[in-house]
Amino acid sequence: YKFKSYQLAVQFYREARGQSAPRHLKDQLLRAASSIALNLSEGSAKRSLADRRRFYEIALGSVRECEAIVELLEPHSDKLREPVDKLARHVYNLVRAL
């Protein structure tokens, strides 16, 4: 699967699994992180640009949610800051390109 944004999303999910956090935030972080990968994957299979864009925009919303959670967890989430920022740039550019 040579889809860079998707690969970054999977990598971020795996890193997020190792993050210690209060249960409610950890659960929300993992749901949002999995949503990114799942929506990117599903969107990539859509034939119409409008459908593809809709799924990619949902993924971007989930990225923003992860960014907020990482910010709430600081300074304990330092190792997630760079990966989530990189993922955000990739997904944002993906949406803009459509």
Protein backbone atom coordinates (compact mmCIF):
# COMPACT_ATOMS: atom_id res chain seq x y z
CA TYR A 1 0.00 0.00 0.00
CA LYS A 2 2.11 2.91 -1.28
CA PHE A 3 -0.10 5.69 0.02
CA LYS A 4 2.14 7.89 2.20
CA SER A 5 -0.66 9.55 4.19
CA TYR A 6 -2.17 6.16 4.98
CA GLN A 7 1.22 4.76 6.04
CA LEU A 8 1.76 7.76 8.33
CA ALA A 9 -1.72 7.26 9.80
CA VAL A 10 -0.99 3.61 10.60
CA GLN A 11 2.35 4.56 12.12
CA PHE A 12 0.71 7.27 14.23
CA TYR A 13 -1.96 4.84 15.46
CA ARG A 14 0.72 2.39 16.55
CA GLU A 15 2.61 5.14 18.40
CA ALA A 16 -0.61 6.38 20.02
CA ARG A 17 -1.29 2.88 21.38
CA GLY A 18 1.85 3.20 23.49
CA GLN A 19 0.89 6.60 24.89
CA SER A 20 -0.01 6.67 28.56
CA ALA A 21 -2.97 8.92 29.26
CA PRO A 22 -6.15 9.12 31.29
CA ARG A 23 -8.50 6.43 30.03
CA HIS A 24 -11.06 8.77 28.49
CA LEU A 25 -8.40 10.61 26.46
CA LYS A 26 -6.57 7.44 25.47
CA ASP A 27 -9.80 5.89 24.19
CA GLN A 28 -10.65 9.02 22.23
CA LEU A 29 -7.11 9.27 20.84
CA LEU A 30 -7.21 5.69 19.58
CA ARG A 31 -10.68 6.11 18.06
CA ALA A 32 -9.62 9.28 16.24
CA ALA A 33 -6.28 7.79 15.15
CA SER A 34 -7.95 4.68 13.75
CA SER A 35 -10.53 6.87 11.99
CA ILE A 36 -7.74 8.62 10.09
CA ALA A 37 -6.36 5.40 8.62
CA LEU A 38 -9.79 3.91 7.96
CA ASN A 39 -11.15 6.99 6.18
CA LEU A 40 -8.01 7.43 4.09
CA SER A 41 -8.22 3.81 3.04
CA GLU A 42 -11.92 3.92 2.23
CA GLY A 43 -11.60 7.25 0.43
CA SER A 44 -8.78 5.97 -1.76
CA ALA A 45 -11.17 3.36 -3.18
CA LYS A 46 -13.81 5.90 -4.22
CA ARG A 47 -14.11 6.63 -7.92
CA SER A 48 -15.58 10.12 -7.74
CA LEU A 49 -13.44 13.01 -6.53
CA ALA A 50 -16.31 14.31 -4.41
CA ASP A 51 -16.59 11.00 -2.53
CA ARG A 52 -12.85 10.71 -2.14
CA ARG A 53 -12.62 14.29 -0.86
CA ARG A 54 -15.42 13.67 1.67
CA PHE A 55 -13.56 10.74 3.24
CA TYR A 56 -10.27 12.62 3.23
CA GLU A 57 -11.95 15.59 4.94
CA ILE A 58 -13.30 13.26 7.63
CA ALA A 59 -9.75 11.94 8.09
CA LEU A 60 -8.51 15.53 8.41
CA GLY A 61 -11.10 16.20 11.12
CA SER A 62 -9.83 13.17 13.01
CA VAL A 63 -6.25 14.42 12.64
CA ARG A 64 -7.29 17.74 14.18
CA GLU A 65 -8.93 15.84 17.03
CA CYS A 66 -5.68 13.93 17.63
CA GLU A 67 -3.73 17.19 17.60
CA ALA A 68 -6.02 18.58 20.30
CA ILE A 69 -5.67 15.46 22.44
CA VAL A 70 -1.88 15.54 22.09
CA GLU A 71 -1.97 19.18 23.21
CA LEU A 72 -4.15 18.30 26.20
CA LEU A 73 -1.68 15.59 27.21
CA GLU A 74 1.44 17.77 26.99
CA PRO A 75 4.12 17.56 28.24
CA HIS A 76 3.53 13.79 28.51
CA SER A 77 2.84 13.42 24.78
CA ASP A 78 6.06 14.90 23.39
CA LYS A 79 6.81 11.81 21.30
CA LEU A 80 3.46 12.18 19.49
CA ARG A 81 3.80 15.87 18.59
CA GLU A 82 6.06 15.46 15.54
CA PRO A 83 4.24 12.44 14.06
CA VAL A 84 0.80 14.05 14.39
CA ASP A 85 2.07 17.32 12.87
CA LYS A 86 3.60 15.46 9.93
CA LEU A 87 0.42 13.47 9.43
CA ALA A 88 -1.64 16.68 9.57
CA ARG A 89 0.47 18.28 6.83
CA HIS A 90 0.10 15.23 4.59
CA VAL A 91 -3.65 14.87 5.01
CA TYR A 92 -4.23 18.63 4.65
CA ASN A 93 -2.27 18.65 1.39
CA LEU A 94 -4.19 15.59 0.20
CA VAL A 95 -7.50 17.39 0.74
CA ARG A 96 -6.22 20.57 -0.90
CA ALA A 97 -5.05 18.63 -3.95
CA LEU A 98 -8.61 17.51 -4.68
